[in-house]
């Protein structure tokens, strides 16, 4: 599903098409890492903070100047 959204973003000029796979891998790795740290109590960030961090990362990826 995420790849379809990334392809749509590339079609709309939000990201460069050649970066789709890299963005997908980075995003997936980041989410898995944050969740693993949370589950293993290696990060004291509350769930709301983790979700905010994830949202901030996604927003950074899709800023126009990051094409």
C-alpha atoms as a PDB file:
ATOM      1  CA  UNK A   1       0.000   0.000   0.000  1.00  0.00           C
ATOM      2  CA  UNK A   2       2.775   2.424   0.888  1.00  0.00           C
ATOM      3  CA  UNK A   3       4.449   1.903  -2.495  1.00  0.00           C
ATOM      4  CA  UNK A   4       1.215   2.844  -4.264  1.00  0.00           C
ATOM      5  CA  UNK A   5       1.064   6.066  -2.241  1.00  0.00           C
ATOM      6  CA  UNK A   6       4.705   6.818  -3.006  1.00  0.00           C
ATOM      7  CA  UNK A   7       4.094   6.248  -6.717  1.00  0.00           C
ATOM      8  CA  UNK A   8       1.149   8.633  -6.546  1.00  0.00           C
ATOM      9  CA  UNK A   9       3.333  11.227  -4.821  1.00  0.00           C
ATOM     10  CA  UNK A  10       5.968  10.836  -7.538  1.00  0.00           C
ATOM     11  CA  UNK A  11       3.313  11.273 -10.227  1.00  0.00           C
ATOM     12  CA  UNK A  12       2.218  14.487  -8.479  1.00  0.00           C
ATOM     13  CA  UNK A  13       5.784  15.783  -8.315  1.00  0.00           C
ATOM     14  CA  UNK A  14       6.167  15.509  -4.546  1.00  0.00           C
ATOM     15  CA  UNK A  15       9.105  13.102  -4.715  1.00  0.00           C
ATOM     16  CA  UNK A  16      11.484  11.908  -7.381  1.00  0.00           C
ATOM     17  CA  UNK A  17      10.391   8.560  -8.851  1.00  0.00           C
ATOM     18  CA  UNK A  18      13.922   7.150  -8.594  1.00  0.00           C
ATOM     19  CA  UNK A  19      13.743   7.561  -4.777  1.00  0.00           C
ATOM     20  CA  UNK A  20      10.561   5.526  -4.199  1.00  0.00           C
ATOM     21  CA  UNK A  21      12.266   2.279  -3.152  1.00  0.00           C
ATOM     22  CA  UNK A  22      14.782   4.047  -0.908  1.00  0.00           C
ATOM     23  CA  UNK A  23      12.093   6.108   0.804  1.00  0.00           C
ATOM     24  CA  UNK A  24      10.026   2.974   1.325  1.00  0.00           C
ATOM     25  CA  UNK A  25      12.932   1.059   2.884  1.00  0.00           C
ATOM     26  CA  UNK A  26      13.946   3.967   5.118  1.00  0.00           C
ATOM     27  CA  UNK A  27      10.409   4.521   6.329  1.00  0.00           C
ATOM     28  CA  UNK A  28       9.803   0.834   7.011  1.00  0.00           C
ATOM     29  CA  UNK A  29      13.110   0.440   8.859  1.00  0.00           C
ATOM     30  CA  UNK A  30      12.462   3.530  10.942  1.00  0.00           C
ATOM     31  CA  UNK A  31       8.996   2.385  11.982  1.00  0.00           C
ATOM     32  CA  UNK A  32      10.175  -1.123  12.849  1.00  0.00           C
ATOM     33  CA  UNK A  33      13.127   0.217  14.810  1.00  0.00           C
ATOM     34  CA  UNK A  34      11.016   2.630  16.838  1.00  0.00           C
ATOM     35  CA  UNK A  35       8.454  -0.038  17.644  1.00  0.00           C
ATOM     36  CA  UNK A  36      11.133  -2.553  18.625  1.00  0.00           C
ATOM     37  CA  UNK A  37      12.829  -0.055  20.934  1.00  0.00           C
ATOM     38  CA  UNK A  38       9.466   0.769  22.492  1.00  0.00           C
ATOM     39  CA  UNK A  39       8.496  -2.886  22.994  1.00  0.00           C
ATOM     40  CA  UNK A  40      11.901  -3.744  24.490  1.00  0.00           C
ATOM     41  CA  UNK A  41      11.742  -0.698  26.824  1.00  0.00           C
ATOM     42  CA  UNK A  42      14.899   0.783  25.291  1.00  0.00           C
ATOM     43  CA  UNK A  43      13.157   4.085  24.583  1.00  0.00           C
ATOM     44  CA  UNK A  44      11.298   6.051  27.245  1.00  0.00           C
ATOM     45  CA  UNK A  45       9.367   8.069  24.682  1.00  0.00           C
ATOM     46  CA  UNK A  46       5.604   7.762  25.204  1.00  0.00           C
ATOM     47  CA  UNK A  47       3.531   6.281  22.375  1.00  0.00           C
ATOM     48  CA  UNK A  48       2.231   9.728  21.395  1.00  0.00           C
ATOM     49  CA  UNK A  49       5.820  10.932  21.046  1.00  0.00           C
ATOM     50  CA  UNK A  50       6.786   7.959  18.882  1.00  0.00           C
ATOM     51  CA  UNK A  51       3.815   8.573  16.599  1.00  0.00           C
ATOM     52  CA  UNK A  52       4.708  12.276  16.382  1.00  0.00           C
ATOM     53  CA  UNK A  53       8.300  11.405  15.466  1.00  0.00           C
ATOM     54  CA  UNK A  54       7.078   9.052  12.733  1.00  0.00           C
ATOM     55  CA  UNK A  55       4.743  11.725  11.362  1.00  0.00           C
ATOM     56  CA  UNK A  56       7.561  14.304  11.415  1.00  0.00           C
ATOM     57  CA  UNK A  57       9.790  11.942   9.420  1.00  0.00           C
ATOM     58  CA  UNK A  58       7.096  11.320   6.802  1.00  0.00           C
ATOM     59  CA  UNK A  59       6.410  15.045   6.485  1.00  0.00           C
ATOM     60  CA  UNK A  60      10.126  15.712   6.016  1.00  0.00           C
ATOM     61  CA  UNK A  61      10.298  13.167   3.204  1.00  0.00           C
ATOM     62  CA  UNK A  62       7.452  14.804   1.325  1.00  0.00           C
ATOM     63  CA  UNK A  63       8.514  18.432   1.569  1.00  0.00           C
ATOM     64  CA  UNK A  64       8.874  19.933  -1.887  1.00  0.00           C
ATOM     65  CA  UNK A  65      12.496  20.994  -1.357  1.00  0.00           C
ATOM     66  CA  UNK A  66      13.551  17.378  -0.758  1.00  0.00           C
ATOM     67  CA  UNK A  67      12.876  16.291  -4.338  1.00  0.00           C
END
